[in-house]
Amino acid sequence: EKERSLISARTRAALAAKKAGGAKL
């Protein structure tokens, strides 16, 4: 369960970083 939560959190963080850097998702 913890591993699944960490994977989800890392995915959200990576997408947020790309969006903050001006990337269009």
PDBML (XML) file of the C-alpha atoms, coordinates in Angstrom:
<?xml version="1.0" encoding="UTF-8" ?>
<PDBx:datablock datablockName="MODEL"
   xmlns:PDBx="http://pdbml.pdb.org/schema/pdbx-v50.xsd"
   xmlns:xsi="http://www.w3.org/2001/XMLSchema-instance"
   xsi:schemaLocation="http://pdbml.pdb.org/schema/pdbx-v50.xsd pdbx-v50.xsd">
   <PDBx:atom_siteCategory>
      <PDBx:atom_site id="1">
         <PDBx:B_iso_or_equiv>0.00</PDBx:B_iso_or_equiv>
         <PDBx:Cartn_x>0.000</PDBx:Cartn_x>
         <PDBx:Cartn_y>0.000</PDBx:Cartn_y>
         <PDBx:Cartn_z>0.000</PDBx:Cartn_z>
         <PDBx:auth_asym_id>A</PDBx:auth_asym_id>
         <PDBx:auth_atom_id>CA</PDBx:auth_atom_id>
         <PDBx:auth_comp_id>GLU</PDBx:auth_comp_id>
         <PDBx:auth_seq_id>1</PDBx:auth_seq_id>
         <PDBx:group_PDB>ATOM</PDBx:group_PDB>
         <PDBx:label_alt_id xsi:nil="true" />
         <PDBx:label_asym_id>A</PDBx:label_asym_id>
         <PDBx:label_atom_id>CA</PDBx:label_atom_id>
         <PDBx:label_comp_id>GLU</PDBx:label_comp_id>
         <PDBx:label_entity_id>1</PDBx:label_entity_id>
         <PDBx:label_seq_id>1</PDBx:label_seq_id>
         <PDBx:occupancy>1.00</PDBx:occupancy>
         <PDBx:pdbx_PDB_model_num>1</PDBx:pdbx_PDB_model_num>
         <PDBx:type_symbol>C</PDBx:type_symbol>
      </PDBx:atom_site>
      <PDBx:atom_site id="2">
         <PDBx:B_iso_or_equiv>0.00</PDBx:B_iso_or_equiv>
         <PDBx:Cartn_x>2.853</PDBx:Cartn_x>
         <PDBx:Cartn_y>2.388</PDBx:Cartn_y>
         <PDBx:Cartn_z>0.844</PDBx:Cartn_z>
         <PDBx:auth_asym_id>A</PDBx:auth_asym_id>
         <PDBx:auth_atom_id>CA</PDBx:auth_atom_id>
         <PDBx:auth_comp_id>LYS</PDBx:auth_comp_id>
         <PDBx:auth_seq_id>2</PDBx:auth_seq_id>
         <PDBx:group_PDB>ATOM</PDBx:group_PDB>
         <PDBx:label_alt_id xsi:nil="true" />
         <PDBx:label_asym_id>A</PDBx:label_asym_id>
         <PDBx:label_atom_id>CA</PDBx:label_atom_id>
         <PDBx:label_comp_id>LYS</PDBx:label_comp_id>
         <PDBx:label_entity_id>1</PDBx:label_entity_id>
         <PDBx:label_seq_id>2</PDBx:label_seq_id>
         <PDBx:occupancy>1.00</PDBx:occupancy>
         <PDBx:pdbx_PDB_model_num>1</PDBx:pdbx_PDB_model_num>
         <PDBx:type_symbol>C</PDBx:type_symbol>
      </PDBx:atom_site>
      <PDBx:atom_site id="3">
         <PDBx:B_iso_or_equiv>0.00</PDBx:B_iso_or_equiv>
         <PDBx:Cartn_x>4.627</PDBx:Cartn_x>
         <PDBx:Cartn_y>1.633</PDBx:Cartn_y>
         <PDBx:Cartn_z>-2.430</PDBx:Cartn_z>
         <PDBx:auth_asym_id>A</PDBx:auth_asym_id>
         <PDBx:auth_atom_id>CA</PDBx:auth_atom_id>
         <PDBx:auth_comp_id>GLU</PDBx:auth_comp_id>
         <PDBx:auth_seq_id>3</PDBx:auth_seq_id>
         <PDBx:group_PDB>ATOM</PDBx:group_PDB>
         <PDBx:label_alt_id xsi:nil="true" />
         <PDBx:label_asym_id>A</PDBx:label_asym_id>
         <PDBx:label_atom_id>CA</PDBx:label_atom_id>
         <PDBx:label_comp_id>GLU</PDBx:label_comp_id>
         <PDBx:label_entity_id>1</PDBx:label_entity_id>
         <PDBx:label_seq_id>3</PDBx:label_seq_id>
         <PDBx:occupancy>1.00</PDBx:occupancy>
         <PDBx:pdbx_PDB_model_num>1</PDBx:pdbx_PDB_model_num>
         <PDBx:type_symbol>C</PDBx:type_symbol>
      </PDBx:atom_site>
      <PDBx:atom_site id="4">
         <PDBx:B_iso_or_equiv>0.00</PDBx:B_iso_or_equiv>
         <PDBx:Cartn_x>1.439</PDBx:Cartn_x>
         <PDBx:Cartn_y>2.396</PDBx:Cartn_y>
         <PDBx:Cartn_z>-4.394</PDBx:Cartn_z>
         <PDBx:auth_asym_id>A</PDBx:auth_asym_id>
         <PDBx:auth_atom_id>CA</PDBx:auth_atom_id>
         <PDBx:auth_comp_id>ARG</PDBx:auth_comp_id>
         <PDBx:auth_seq_id>4</PDBx:auth_seq_id>
         <PDBx:group_PDB>ATOM</PDBx:group_PDB>
         <PDBx:label_alt_id xsi:nil="true" />
         <PDBx:label_asym_id>A</PDBx:label_asym_id>
         <PDBx:label_atom_id>CA</PDBx:label_atom_id>
         <PDBx:label_comp_id>ARG</PDBx:label_comp_id>
         <PDBx:label_entity_id>1</PDBx:label_entity_id>
         <PDBx:label_seq_id>4</PDBx:label_seq_id>
         <PDBx:occupancy>1.00</PDBx:occupancy>
         <PDBx:pdbx_PDB_model_num>1</PDBx:pdbx_PDB_model_num>
         <PDBx:type_symbol>C</PDBx:type_symbol>
      </PDBx:atom_site>
      <PDBx:atom_site id="5">
         <PDBx:B_iso_or_equiv>0.00</PDBx:B_iso_or_equiv>
         <PDBx:Cartn_x>1.031</PDBx:Cartn_x>
         <PDBx:Cartn_y>5.686</PDBx:Cartn_y>
         <PDBx:Cartn_z>-2.498</PDBx:Cartn_z>
         <PDBx:auth_asym_id>A</PDBx:auth_asym_id>
         <PDBx:auth_atom_id>CA</PDBx:auth_atom_id>
         <PDBx:auth_comp_id>SER</PDBx:auth_comp_id>
         <PDBx:auth_seq_id>5</PDBx:auth_seq_id>
         <PDBx:group_PDB>ATOM</PDBx:group_PDB>
         <PDBx:label_alt_id xsi:nil="true" />
         <PDBx:label_asym_id>A</PDBx:label_asym_id>
         <PDBx:label_atom_id>CA</PDBx:label_atom_id>
         <PDBx:label_comp_id>SER</PDBx:label_comp_id>
         <PDBx:label_entity_id>1</PDBx:label_entity_id>
         <PDBx:label_seq_id>5</PDBx:label_seq_id>
         <PDBx:occupancy>1.00</PDBx:occupancy>
         <PDBx:pdbx_PDB_model_num>1</PDBx:pdbx_PDB_model_num>
         <PDBx:type_symbol>C</PDBx:type_symbol>
      </PDBx:atom_site>
      <PDBx:atom_site id="6">
         <PDBx:B_iso_or_equiv>0.00</PDBx:B_iso_or_equiv>
         <PDBx:Cartn_x>4.638</PDBx:Cartn_x>
         <PDBx:Cartn_y>6.718</PDBx:Cartn_y>
         <PDBx:Cartn_z>-3.193</PDBx:Cartn_z>
         <PDBx:auth_asym_id>A</PDBx:auth_asym_id>
         <PDBx:auth_atom_id>CA</PDBx:auth_atom_id>
         <PDBx:auth_comp_id>LEU</PDBx:auth_comp_id>
         <PDBx:auth_seq_id>6</PDBx:auth_seq_id>
         <PDBx:group_PDB>ATOM</PDBx:group_PDB>
         <PDBx:label_alt_id xsi:nil="true" />
         <PDBx:label_asym_id>A</PDBx:label_asym_id>
         <PDBx:label_atom_id>CA</PDBx:label_atom_id>
         <PDBx:label_comp_id>LEU</PDBx:label_comp_id>
         <PDBx:label_entity_id>1</PDBx:label_entity_id>
         <PDBx:label_seq_id>6</PDBx:label_seq_id>
         <PDBx:occupancy>1.00</PDBx:occupancy>
         <PDBx:pdbx_PDB_model_num>1</PDBx:pdbx_PDB_model_num>
         <PDBx:type_symbol>C</PDBx:type_symbol>
      </PDBx:atom_site>
      <PDBx:atom_site id="7">
         <PDBx:B_iso_or_equiv>0.00</PDBx:B_iso_or_equiv>
         <PDBx:Cartn_x>4.324</PDBx:Cartn_x>
         <PDBx:Cartn_y>5.968</PDBx:Cartn_y>
         <PDBx:Cartn_z>-6.912</PDBx:Cartn_z>
         <PDBx:auth_asym_id>A</PDBx:auth_asym_id>
         <PDBx:auth_atom_id>CA</PDBx:auth_atom_id>
         <PDBx:auth_comp_id>ILE</PDBx:auth_comp_id>
         <PDBx:auth_seq_id>7</PDBx:auth_seq_id>
         <PDBx:group_PDB>ATOM</PDBx:group_PDB>
         <PDBx:label_alt_id xsi:nil="true" />
         <PDBx:label_asym_id>A</PDBx:label_asym_id>
         <PDBx:label_atom_id>CA</PDBx:label_atom_id>
         <PDBx:label_comp_id>ILE</PDBx:label_comp_id>
         <PDBx:label_entity_id>1</PDBx:label_entity_id>
         <PDBx:label_seq_id>7</PDBx:label_seq_id>
         <PDBx:occupancy>1.00</PDBx:occupancy>
         <PDBx:pdbx_PDB_model_num>1</PDBx:pdbx_PDB_model_num>
         <PDBx:type_symbol>C</PDBx:type_symbol>
      </PDBx:atom_site>
      <PDBx:atom_site id="8">
         <PDBx:B_iso_or_equiv>0.00</PDBx:B_iso_or_equiv>
         <PDBx:Cartn_x>1.170</PDBx:Cartn_x>
         <PDBx:Cartn_y>8.096</PDBx:Cartn_y>
         <PDBx:Cartn_z>-7.107</PDBx:Cartn_z>
         <PDBx:auth_asym_id>A</PDBx:auth_asym_id>
         <PDBx:auth_atom_id>CA</PDBx:auth_atom_id>
         <PDBx:auth_comp_id>SER</PDBx:auth_comp_id>
         <PDBx:auth_seq_id>8</PDBx:auth_seq_id>
         <PDBx:group_PDB>ATOM</PDBx:group_PDB>
         <PDBx:label_alt_id xsi:nil="true" />
         <PDBx:label_asym_id>A</PDBx:label_asym_id>
         <PDBx:label_atom_id>CA</PDBx:label_atom_id>
         <PDBx:label_comp_id>SER</PDBx:label_comp_id>
         <PDBx:label_entity_id>1</PDBx:label_entity_id>
         <PDBx:label_seq_id>8</PDBx:label_seq_id>
         <PDBx:occupancy>1.00</PDBx:occupancy>
         <PDBx:pdbx_PDB_model_num>1</PDBx:pdbx_PDB_model_num>
         <PDBx:type_symbol>C</PDBx:type_symbol>
      </PDBx:atom_site>
      <PDBx:atom_site id="9">
         <PDBx:B_iso_or_equiv>0.00</PDBx:B_iso_or_equiv>
         <PDBx:Cartn_x>2.819</PDBx:Cartn_x>
         <PDBx:Cartn_y>10.967</PDBx:Cartn_y>
         <PDBx:Cartn_z>-5.194</PDBx:Cartn_z>
         <PDBx:auth_asym_id>A</PDBx:auth_asym_id>
         <PDBx:auth_atom_id>CA</PDBx:auth_atom_id>
         <PDBx:auth_comp_id>ALA</PDBx:auth_comp_id>
         <PDBx:auth_seq_id>9</PDBx:auth_seq_id>
         <PDBx:group_PDB>ATOM</PDBx:group_PDB>
         <PDBx:label_alt_id xsi:nil="true" />
         <PDBx:label_asym_id>A</PDBx:label_asym_id>
         <PDBx:label_atom_id>CA</PDBx:label_atom_id>
         <PDBx:label_comp_id>ALA</PDBx:label_comp_id>
         <PDBx:label_entity_id>1</PDBx:label_entity_id>
         <PDBx:label_seq_id>9</PDBx:label_seq_id>
         <PDBx:occupancy>1.00</PDBx:occupancy>
         <PDBx:pdbx_PDB_model_num>1</PDBx:pdbx_PDB_model_num>
         <PDBx:type_symbol>C</PDBx:type_symbol>
      </PDBx:atom_site>
      <PDBx:atom_site id="10">
         <PDBx:B_iso_or_equiv>0.00</PDBx:B_iso_or_equiv>
         <PDBx:Cartn_x>5.922</PDBx:Cartn_x>
         <PDBx:Cartn_y>10.904</PDBx:Cartn_y>
         <PDBx:Cartn_z>-7.420</PDBx:Cartn_z>
         <PDBx:auth_asym_id>A</PDBx:auth_asym_id>
         <PDBx:auth_atom_id>CA</PDBx:auth_atom_id>
         <PDBx:auth_comp_id>ARG</PDBx:auth_comp_id>
         <PDBx:auth_seq_id>10</PDBx:auth_seq_id>
         <PDBx:group_PDB>ATOM</PDBx:group_PDB>
         <PDBx:label_alt_id xsi:nil="true" />
         <PDBx:label_asym_id>A</PDBx:label_asym_id>
         <PDBx:label_atom_id>CA</PDBx:label_atom_id>
         <PDBx:label_comp_id>ARG</PDBx:label_comp_id>
         <PDBx:label_entity_id>1</PDBx:label_entity_id>
         <PDBx:label_seq_id>10</PDBx:label_seq_id>
         <PDBx:occupancy>1.00</PDBx:occupancy>
         <PDBx:pdbx_PDB_model_num>1</PDBx:pdbx_PDB_model_num>
         <PDBx:type_symbol>C</PDBx:type_symbol>
      </PDBx:atom_site>
      <PDBx:atom_site id="11">
         <PDBx:B_iso_or_equiv>0.00</PDBx:B_iso_or_equiv>
         <PDBx:Cartn_x>3.767</PDBx:Cartn_x>
         <PDBx:Cartn_y>10.977</PDBx:Cartn_y>
         <PDBx:Cartn_z>-10.558</PDBx:Cartn_z>
         <PDBx:auth_asym_id>A</PDBx:auth_asym_id>
         <PDBx:auth_atom_id>CA</PDBx:auth_atom_id>
         <PDBx:auth_comp_id>THR</PDBx:auth_comp_id>
         <PDBx:auth_seq_id>11</PDBx:auth_seq_id>
         <PDBx:group_PDB>ATOM</PDBx:group_PDB>
         <PDBx:label_alt_id xsi:nil="true" />
         <PDBx:label_asym_id>A</PDBx:label_asym_id>
         <PDBx:label_atom_id>CA</PDBx:label_atom_id>
         <PDBx:label_comp_id>THR</PDBx:label_comp_id>
         <PDBx:label_entity_id>1</PDBx:label_entity_id>
         <PDBx:label_seq_id>11</PDBx:label_seq_id>
         <PDBx:occupancy>1.00</PDBx:occupancy>
         <PDBx:pdbx_PDB_model_num>1</PDBx:pdbx_PDB_model_num>
         <PDBx:type_symbol>C</PDBx:type_symbol>
      </PDBx:atom_site>
      <PDBx:atom_site id="12">
         <PDBx:B_iso_or_equiv>0.00</PDBx:B_iso_or_equiv>
         <PDBx:Cartn_x>1.787</PDBx:Cartn_x>
         <PDBx:Cartn_y>13.976</PDBx:Cartn_y>
         <PDBx:Cartn_z>-9.320</PDBx:Cartn_z>
         <PDBx:auth_asym_id>A</PDBx:auth_asym_id>
         <PDBx:auth_atom_id>CA</PDBx:auth_atom_id>
         <PDBx:auth_comp_id>ARG</PDBx:auth_comp_id>
         <PDBx:auth_seq_id>12</PDBx:auth_seq_id>
         <PDBx:group_PDB>ATOM</PDBx:group_PDB>
         <PDBx:label_alt_id xsi:nil="true" />
         <PDBx:label_asym_id>A</PDBx:label_asym_id>
         <PDBx:label_atom_id>CA</PDBx:label_atom_id>
         <PDBx:label_comp_id>ARG</PDBx:label_comp_id>
         <PDBx:label_entity_id>1</PDBx:label_entity_id>
         <PDBx:label_seq_id>12</PDBx:label_seq_id>
         <PDBx:occupancy>1.00</PDBx:occupancy>
         <PDBx:pdbx_PDB_model_num>1</PDBx:pdbx_PDB_model_num>
         <PDBx:type_symbol>C</PDBx:type_symbol>
      </PDBx:atom_site>
      <PDBx:atom_site id="13">
         <PDBx:B_iso_or_equiv>0.00</PDBx:B_iso_or_equiv>
         <PDBx:Cartn_x>4.971</PDBx:Cartn_x>
         <PDBx:Cartn_y>15.809</PDBx:Cartn_y>
         <PDBx:Cartn_z>-8.285</PDBx:Cartn_z>
         <PDBx:auth_asym_id>A</PDBx:auth_asym_id>
         <PDBx:auth_atom_id>CA</PDBx:auth_atom_id>
         <PDBx:auth_comp_id>ALA</PDBx:auth_comp_id>
         <PDBx:auth_seq_id>13</PDBx:auth_seq_id>
         <PDBx:group_PDB>ATOM</PDBx:group_PDB>
         <PDBx:label_alt_id xsi:nil="true" />
         <PDBx:label_asym_id>A</PDBx:label_asym_id>
         <PDBx:label_atom_id>CA</PDBx:label_atom_id>
         <PDBx:label_comp_id>ALA</PDBx:label_comp_id>
         <PDBx:label_entity_id>1</PDBx:label_entity_id>
         <PDBx:label_seq_id>13</PDBx:label_seq_id>
         <PDBx:occupancy>1.00</PDBx:occupancy>
         <PDBx:pdbx_PDB_model_num>1</PDBx:pdbx_PDB_model_num>
         <PDBx:type_symbol>C</PDBx:type_symbol>
      </PDBx:atom_site>
      <PDBx:atom_site id="14">
         <PDBx:B_iso_or_equiv>0.00</PDBx:B_iso_or_equiv>
         <PDBx:Cartn_x>6.602</PDBx:Cartn_x>
         <PDBx:Cartn_y>15.212</PDBx:Cartn_y>
         <PDBx:Cartn_z>-11.679</PDBx:Cartn_z>
         <PDBx:auth_asym_id>A</PDBx:auth_asym_id>
         <PDBx:auth_atom_id>CA</PDBx:auth_atom_id>
         <PDBx:auth_comp_id>ALA</PDBx:auth_comp_id>
         <PDBx:auth_seq_id>14</PDBx:auth_seq_id>
         <PDBx:group_PDB>ATOM</PDBx:group_PDB>
         <PDBx:label_alt_id xsi:nil="true" />
         <PDBx:label_asym_id>A</PDBx:label_asym_id>
         <PDBx:label_atom_id>CA</PDBx:label_atom_id>
         <PDBx:label_comp_id>ALA</PDBx:label_comp_id>
         <PDBx:label_entity_id>1</PDBx:label_entity_id>
         <PDBx:label_seq_id>14</PDBx:label_seq_id>
         <PDBx:occupancy>1.00</PDBx:occupancy>
         <PDBx:pdbx_PDB_model_num>1</PDBx:pdbx_PDB_model_num>
         <PDBx:type_symbol>C</PDBx:type_symbol>
      </PDBx:atom_site>
      <PDBx:atom_site id="15">
         <PDBx:B_iso_or_equiv>0.00</PDBx:B_iso_or_equiv>
         <PDBx:Cartn_x>3.550</PDBx:Cartn_x>
         <PDBx:Cartn_y>16.531</PDBx:Cartn_y>
         <PDBx:Cartn_z>-13.543</PDBx:Cartn_z>
         <PDBx:auth_asym_id>A</PDBx:auth_asym_id>
         <PDBx:auth_atom_id>CA</PDBx:auth_atom_id>
         <PDBx:auth_comp_id>LEU</PDBx:auth_comp_id>
         <PDBx:auth_seq_id>15</PDBx:auth_seq_id>
         <PDBx:group_PDB>ATOM</PDBx:group_PDB>
         <PDBx:label_alt_id xsi:nil="true" />
         <PDBx:label_asym_id>A</PDBx:label_asym_id>
         <PDBx:label_atom_id>CA</PDBx:label_atom_id>
         <PDBx:label_comp_id>LEU</PDBx:label_comp_id>
         <PDBx:label_entity_id>1</PDBx:label_entity_id>
         <PDBx:label_seq_id>15</PDBx:label_seq_id>
         <PDBx:occupancy>1.00</PDBx:occupancy>
         <PDBx:pdbx_PDB_model_num>1</PDBx:pdbx_PDB_model_num>
         <PDBx:type_symbol>C</PDBx:type_symbol>
      </PDBx:atom_site>
      <PDBx:atom_site id="16">
         <PDBx:B_iso_or_equiv>0.00</PDBx:B_iso_or_equiv>
         <PDBx:Cartn_x>3.336</PDBx:Cartn_x>
         <PDBx:Cartn_y>19.574</PDBx:Cartn_y>
         <PDBx:Cartn_z>-11.281</PDBx:Cartn_z>
         <PDBx:auth_asym_id>A</PDBx:auth_asym_id>
         <PDBx:auth_atom_id>CA</PDBx:auth_atom_id>
         <PDBx:auth_comp_id>ALA</PDBx:auth_comp_id>
         <PDBx:auth_seq_id>16</PDBx:auth_seq_id>
         <PDBx:group_PDB>ATOM</PDBx:group_PDB>
         <PDBx:label_alt_id xsi:nil="true" />
         <PDBx:label_asym_id>A</PDBx:label_asym_id>
         <PDBx:label_atom_id>CA</PDBx:label_atom_id>
         <PDBx:label_comp_id>ALA</PDBx:label_comp_id>
         <PDBx:label_entity_id>1</PDBx:label_entity_id>
         <PDBx:label_seq_id>16</PDBx:label_seq_id>
         <PDBx:occupancy>1.00</PDBx:occupancy>
         <PDBx:pdbx_PDB_model_num>1</PDBx:pdbx_PDB_model_num>
         <PDBx:type_symbol>C</PDBx:type_symbol>
      </PDBx:atom_site>
      <PDBx:atom_site id="17">
         <PDBx:B_iso_or_equiv>0.00</PDBx:B_iso_or_equiv>
         <PDBx:Cartn_x>7.040</PDBx:Cartn_x>
         <PDBx:Cartn_y>20.345</PDBx:Cartn_y>
         <PDBx:Cartn_z>-11.854</PDBx:Cartn_z>
         <PDBx:auth_asym_id>A</PDBx:auth_asym_id>
         <PDBx:auth_atom_id>CA</PDBx:auth_atom_id>
         <PDBx:auth_comp_id>ALA</PDBx:auth_comp_id>
         <PDBx:auth_seq_id>17</PDBx:auth_seq_id>
         <PDBx:group_PDB>ATOM</PDBx:group_PDB>
         <PDBx:label_alt_id xsi:nil="true" />
         <PDBx:label_asym_id>A</PDBx:label_asym_id>
         <PDBx:label_atom_id>CA</PDBx:label_atom_id>
         <PDBx:label_comp_id>ALA</PDBx:label_comp_id>
         <PDBx:label_entity_id>1</PDBx:label_entity_id>
         <PDBx:label_seq_id>17</PDBx:label_seq_id>
         <PDBx:occupancy>1.00</PDBx:occupancy>
         <PDBx:pdbx_PDB_model_num>1</PDBx:pdbx_PDB_model_num>
         <PDBx:type_symbol>C</PDBx:type_symbol>
      </PDBx:atom_site>
      <PDBx:atom_site id="18">
         <PDBx:B_iso_or_equiv>0.00</PDBx:B_iso_or_equiv>
         <PDBx:Cartn_x>6.591</PDBx:Cartn_x>
         <PDBx:Cartn_y>20.140</PDBx:Cartn_y>
         <PDBx:Cartn_z>-15.621</PDBx:Cartn_z>
         <PDBx:auth_asym_id>A</PDBx:auth_asym_id>
         <PDBx:auth_atom_id>CA</PDBx:auth_atom_id>
         <PDBx:auth_comp_id>LYS</PDBx:auth_comp_id>
         <PDBx:auth_seq_id>18</PDBx:auth_seq_id>
         <PDBx:group_PDB>ATOM</PDBx:group_PDB>
         <PDBx:label_alt_id xsi:nil="true" />
         <PDBx:label_asym_id>A</PDBx:label_asym_id>
         <PDBx:label_atom_id>CA</PDBx:label_atom_id>
         <PDBx:label_comp_id>LYS</PDBx:label_comp_id>
         <PDBx:label_entity_id>1</PDBx:label_entity_id>
         <PDBx:label_seq_id>18</PDBx:label_seq_id>
         <PDBx:occupancy>1.00</PDBx:occupancy>
         <PDBx:pdbx_PDB_model_num>1</PDBx:pdbx_PDB_model_num>
         <PDBx:type_symbol>C</PDBx:type_symbol>
      </PDBx:atom_site>
      <PDBx:atom_site id="19">
         <PDBx:B_iso_or_equiv>0.00</PDBx:B_iso_or_equiv>
         <PDBx:Cartn_x>3.572</PDBx:Cartn_x>
         <PDBx:Cartn_y>22.431</PDBx:Cartn_y>
         <PDBx:Cartn_z>-15.488</PDBx:Cartn_z>
         <PDBx:auth_asym_id>A</PDBx:auth_asym_id>
         <PDBx:auth_atom_id>CA</PDBx:auth_atom_id>
         <PDBx:auth_comp_id>LYS</PDBx:auth_comp_id>
         <PDBx:auth_seq_id>19</PDBx:auth_seq_id>
         <PDBx:group_PDB>ATOM</PDBx:group_PDB>
         <PDBx:label_alt_id xsi:nil="true" />
         <PDBx:label_asym_id>A</PDBx:label_asym_id>
         <PDBx:label_atom_id>CA</PDBx:label_atom_id>
         <PDBx:label_comp_id>LYS</PDBx:label_comp_id>
         <PDBx:label_entity_id>1</PDBx:label_entity_id>
         <PDBx:label_seq_id>19</PDBx:label_seq_id>
         <PDBx:occupancy>1.00</PDBx:occupancy>
         <PDBx:pdbx_PDB_model_num>1</PDBx:pdbx_PDB_model_num>
         <PDBx:type_symbol>C</PDBx:type_symbol>
      </PDBx:atom_site>
      <PDBx:atom_site id="20">
         <PDBx:B_iso_or_equiv>0.00</PDBx:B_iso_or_equiv>
         <PDBx:Cartn_x>5.417</PDBx:Cartn_x>
         <PDBx:Cartn_y>24.925</PDBx:Cartn_y>
         <PDBx:Cartn_z>-13.279</PDBx:Cartn_z>
         <PDBx:auth_asym_id>A</PDBx:auth_asym_id>
         <PDBx:auth_atom_id>CA</PDBx:auth_atom_id>
         <PDBx:auth_comp_id>ALA</PDBx:auth_comp_id>
         <PDBx:auth_seq_id>20</PDBx:auth_seq_id>
         <PDBx:group_PDB>ATOM</PDBx:group_PDB>
         <PDBx:label_alt_id xsi:nil="true" />
         <PDBx:label_asym_id>A</PDBx:label_asym_id>
         <PDBx:label_atom_id>CA</PDBx:label_atom_id>
         <PDBx:label_comp_id>ALA</PDBx:label_comp_id>
         <PDBx:label_entity_id>1</PDBx:label_entity_id>
         <PDBx:label_seq_id>20</PDBx:label_seq_id>
         <PDBx:occupancy>1.00</PDBx:occupancy>
         <PDBx:pdbx_PDB_model_num>1</PDBx:pdbx_PDB_model_num>
         <PDBx:type_symbol>C</PDBx:type_symbol>
      </PDBx:atom_site>
      <PDBx:atom_site id="21">
         <PDBx:B_iso_or_equiv>0.00</PDBx:B_iso_or_equiv>
         <PDBx:Cartn_x>8.276</PDBx:Cartn_x>
         <PDBx:Cartn_y>24.942</PDBx:Cartn_y>
         <PDBx:Cartn_z>-15.792</PDBx:Cartn_z>
         <PDBx:auth_asym_id>A</PDBx:auth_asym_id>
         <PDBx:auth_atom_id>CA</PDBx:auth_atom_id>
         <PDBx:auth_comp_id>GLY</PDBx:auth_comp_id>
         <PDBx:auth_seq_id>21</PDBx:auth_seq_id>
         <PDBx:group_PDB>ATOM</PDBx:group_PDB>
         <PDBx:label_alt_id xsi:nil="true" />
         <PDBx:label_asym_id>A</PDBx:label_asym_id>
         <PDBx:label_atom_id>CA</PDBx:label_atom_id>
         <PDBx:label_comp_id>GLY</PDBx:label_comp_id>
         <PDBx:label_entity_id>1</PDBx:label_entity_id>
         <PDBx:label_seq_id>21</PDBx:label_seq_id>
         <PDBx:occupancy>1.00</PDBx:occupancy>
         <PDBx:pdbx_PDB_model_num>1</PDBx:pdbx_PDB_model_num>
         <PDBx:type_symbol>C</PDBx:type_symbol>
      </PDBx:atom_site>
      <PDBx:atom_site id="22">
         <PDBx:B_iso_or_equiv>0.00</PDBx:B_iso_or_equiv>
         <PDBx:Cartn_x>5.922</PDBx:Cartn_x>
         <PDBx:Cartn_y>26.030</PDBx:Cartn_y>
         <PDBx:Cartn_z>-18.550</PDBx:Cartn_z>
         <PDBx:auth_asym_id>A</PDBx:auth_asym_id>
         <PDBx:auth_atom_id>CA</PDBx:auth_atom_id>
         <PDBx:auth_comp_id>GLY</PDBx:auth_comp_id>
         <PDBx:auth_seq_id>22</PDBx:auth_seq_id>
         <PDBx:group_PDB>ATOM</PDBx:group_PDB>
         <PDBx:label_alt_id xsi:nil="true" />
         <PDBx:label_asym_id>A</PDBx:label_asym_id>
         <PDBx:label_atom_id>CA</PDBx:label_atom_id>
         <PDBx:label_comp_id>GLY</PDBx:label_comp_id>
         <PDBx:label_entity_id>1</PDBx:label_entity_id>
         <PDBx:label_seq_id>22</PDBx:label_seq_id>
         <PDBx:occupancy>1.00</PDBx:occupancy>
         <PDBx:pdbx_PDB_model_num>1</PDBx:pdbx_PDB_model_num>
         <PDBx:type_symbol>C</PDBx:type_symbol>
      </PDBx:atom_site>
      <PDBx:atom_site id="23">
         <PDBx:B_iso_or_equiv>0.00</PDBx:B_iso_or_equiv>
         <PDBx:Cartn_x>5.401</PDBx:Cartn_x>
         <PDBx:Cartn_y>22.670</PDBx:Cartn_y>
         <PDBx:Cartn_z>-20.186</PDBx:Cartn_z>
         <PDBx:auth_asym_id>A</PDBx:auth_asym_id>
         <PDBx:auth_atom_id>CA</PDBx:auth_atom_id>
         <PDBx:auth_comp_id>ALA</PDBx:auth_comp_id>
         <PDBx:auth_seq_id>23</PDBx:auth_seq_id>
         <PDBx:group_PDB>ATOM</PDBx:group_PDB>
         <PDBx:label_alt_id xsi:nil="true" />
         <PDBx:label_asym_id>A</PDBx:label_asym_id>
         <PDBx:label_atom_id>CA</PDBx:label_atom_id>
         <PDBx:label_comp_id>ALA</PDBx:label_comp_id>
         <PDBx:label_entity_id>1</PDBx:label_entity_id>
         <PDBx:label_seq_id>23</PDBx:label_seq_id>
         <PDBx:occupancy>1.00</PDBx:occupancy>
         <PDBx:pdbx_PDB_model_num>1</PDBx:pdbx_PDB_model_num>
         <PDBx:type_symbol>C</PDBx:type_symbol>
      </PDBx:atom_site>
      <PDBx:atom_site id="24">
         <PDBx:B_iso_or_equiv>0.00</PDBx:B_iso_or_equiv>
         <PDBx:Cartn_x>1.989</PDBx:Cartn_x>
         <PDBx:Cartn_y>22.091</PDBx:Cartn_y>
         <PDBx:Cartn_z>-21.734</PDBx:Cartn_z>
         <PDBx:auth_asym_id>A</PDBx:auth_asym_id>
         <PDBx:auth_atom_id>CA</PDBx:auth_atom_id>
         <PDBx:auth_comp_id>LYS</PDBx:auth_comp_id>
         <PDBx:auth_seq_id>24</PDBx:auth_seq_id>
         <PDBx:group_PDB>ATOM</PDBx:group_PDB>
         <PDBx:label_alt_id xsi:nil="true" />
         <PDBx:label_asym_id>A</PDBx:label_asym_id>
         <PDBx:label_atom_id>CA</PDBx:label_atom_id>
         <PDBx:label_comp_id>LYS</PDBx:label_comp_id>
         <PDBx:label_entity_id>1</PDBx:label_entity_id>
         <PDBx:label_seq_id>24</PDBx:label_seq_id>
         <PDBx:occupancy>1.00</PDBx:occupancy>
         <PDBx:pdbx_PDB_model_num>1</PDBx:pdbx_PDB_model_num>
         <PDBx:type_symbol>C</PDBx:type_symbol>
      </PDBx:atom_site>
      <PDBx:atom_site id="25">
         <PDBx:B_iso_or_equiv>0.00</PDBx:B_iso_or_equiv>
         <PDBx:Cartn_x>0.571</PDBx:Cartn_x>
         <PDBx:Cartn_y>18.773</PDBx:Cartn_y>
         <PDBx:Cartn_z>-20.622</PDBx:Cartn_z>
         <PDBx:auth_asym_id>A</PDBx:auth_asym_id>
         <PDBx:auth_atom_id>CA</PDBx:auth_atom_id>
         <PDBx:auth_comp_id>LEU</PDBx:auth_comp_id>
         <PDBx:auth_seq_id>25</PDBx:auth_seq_id>
         <PDBx:group_PDB>ATOM</PDBx:group_PDB>
         <PDBx:label_alt_id xsi:nil="true" />
         <PDBx:label_asym_id>A</PDBx:label_asym_id>
         <PDBx:label_atom_id>CA</PDBx:label_atom_id>
         <PDBx:label_comp_id>LEU</PDBx:label_comp_id>
         <PDBx:label_entity_id>1</PDBx:label_entity_id>
         <PDBx:label_seq_id>25</PDBx:label_seq_id>
         <PDBx:occupancy>1.00</PDBx:occupancy>
         <PDBx:pdbx_PDB_model_num>1</PDBx:pdbx_PDB_model_num>
         <PDBx:type_symbol>C</PDBx:type_symbol>
      </PDBx:atom_site>
   </PDBx:atom_siteCategory>
</PDBx:datablock>
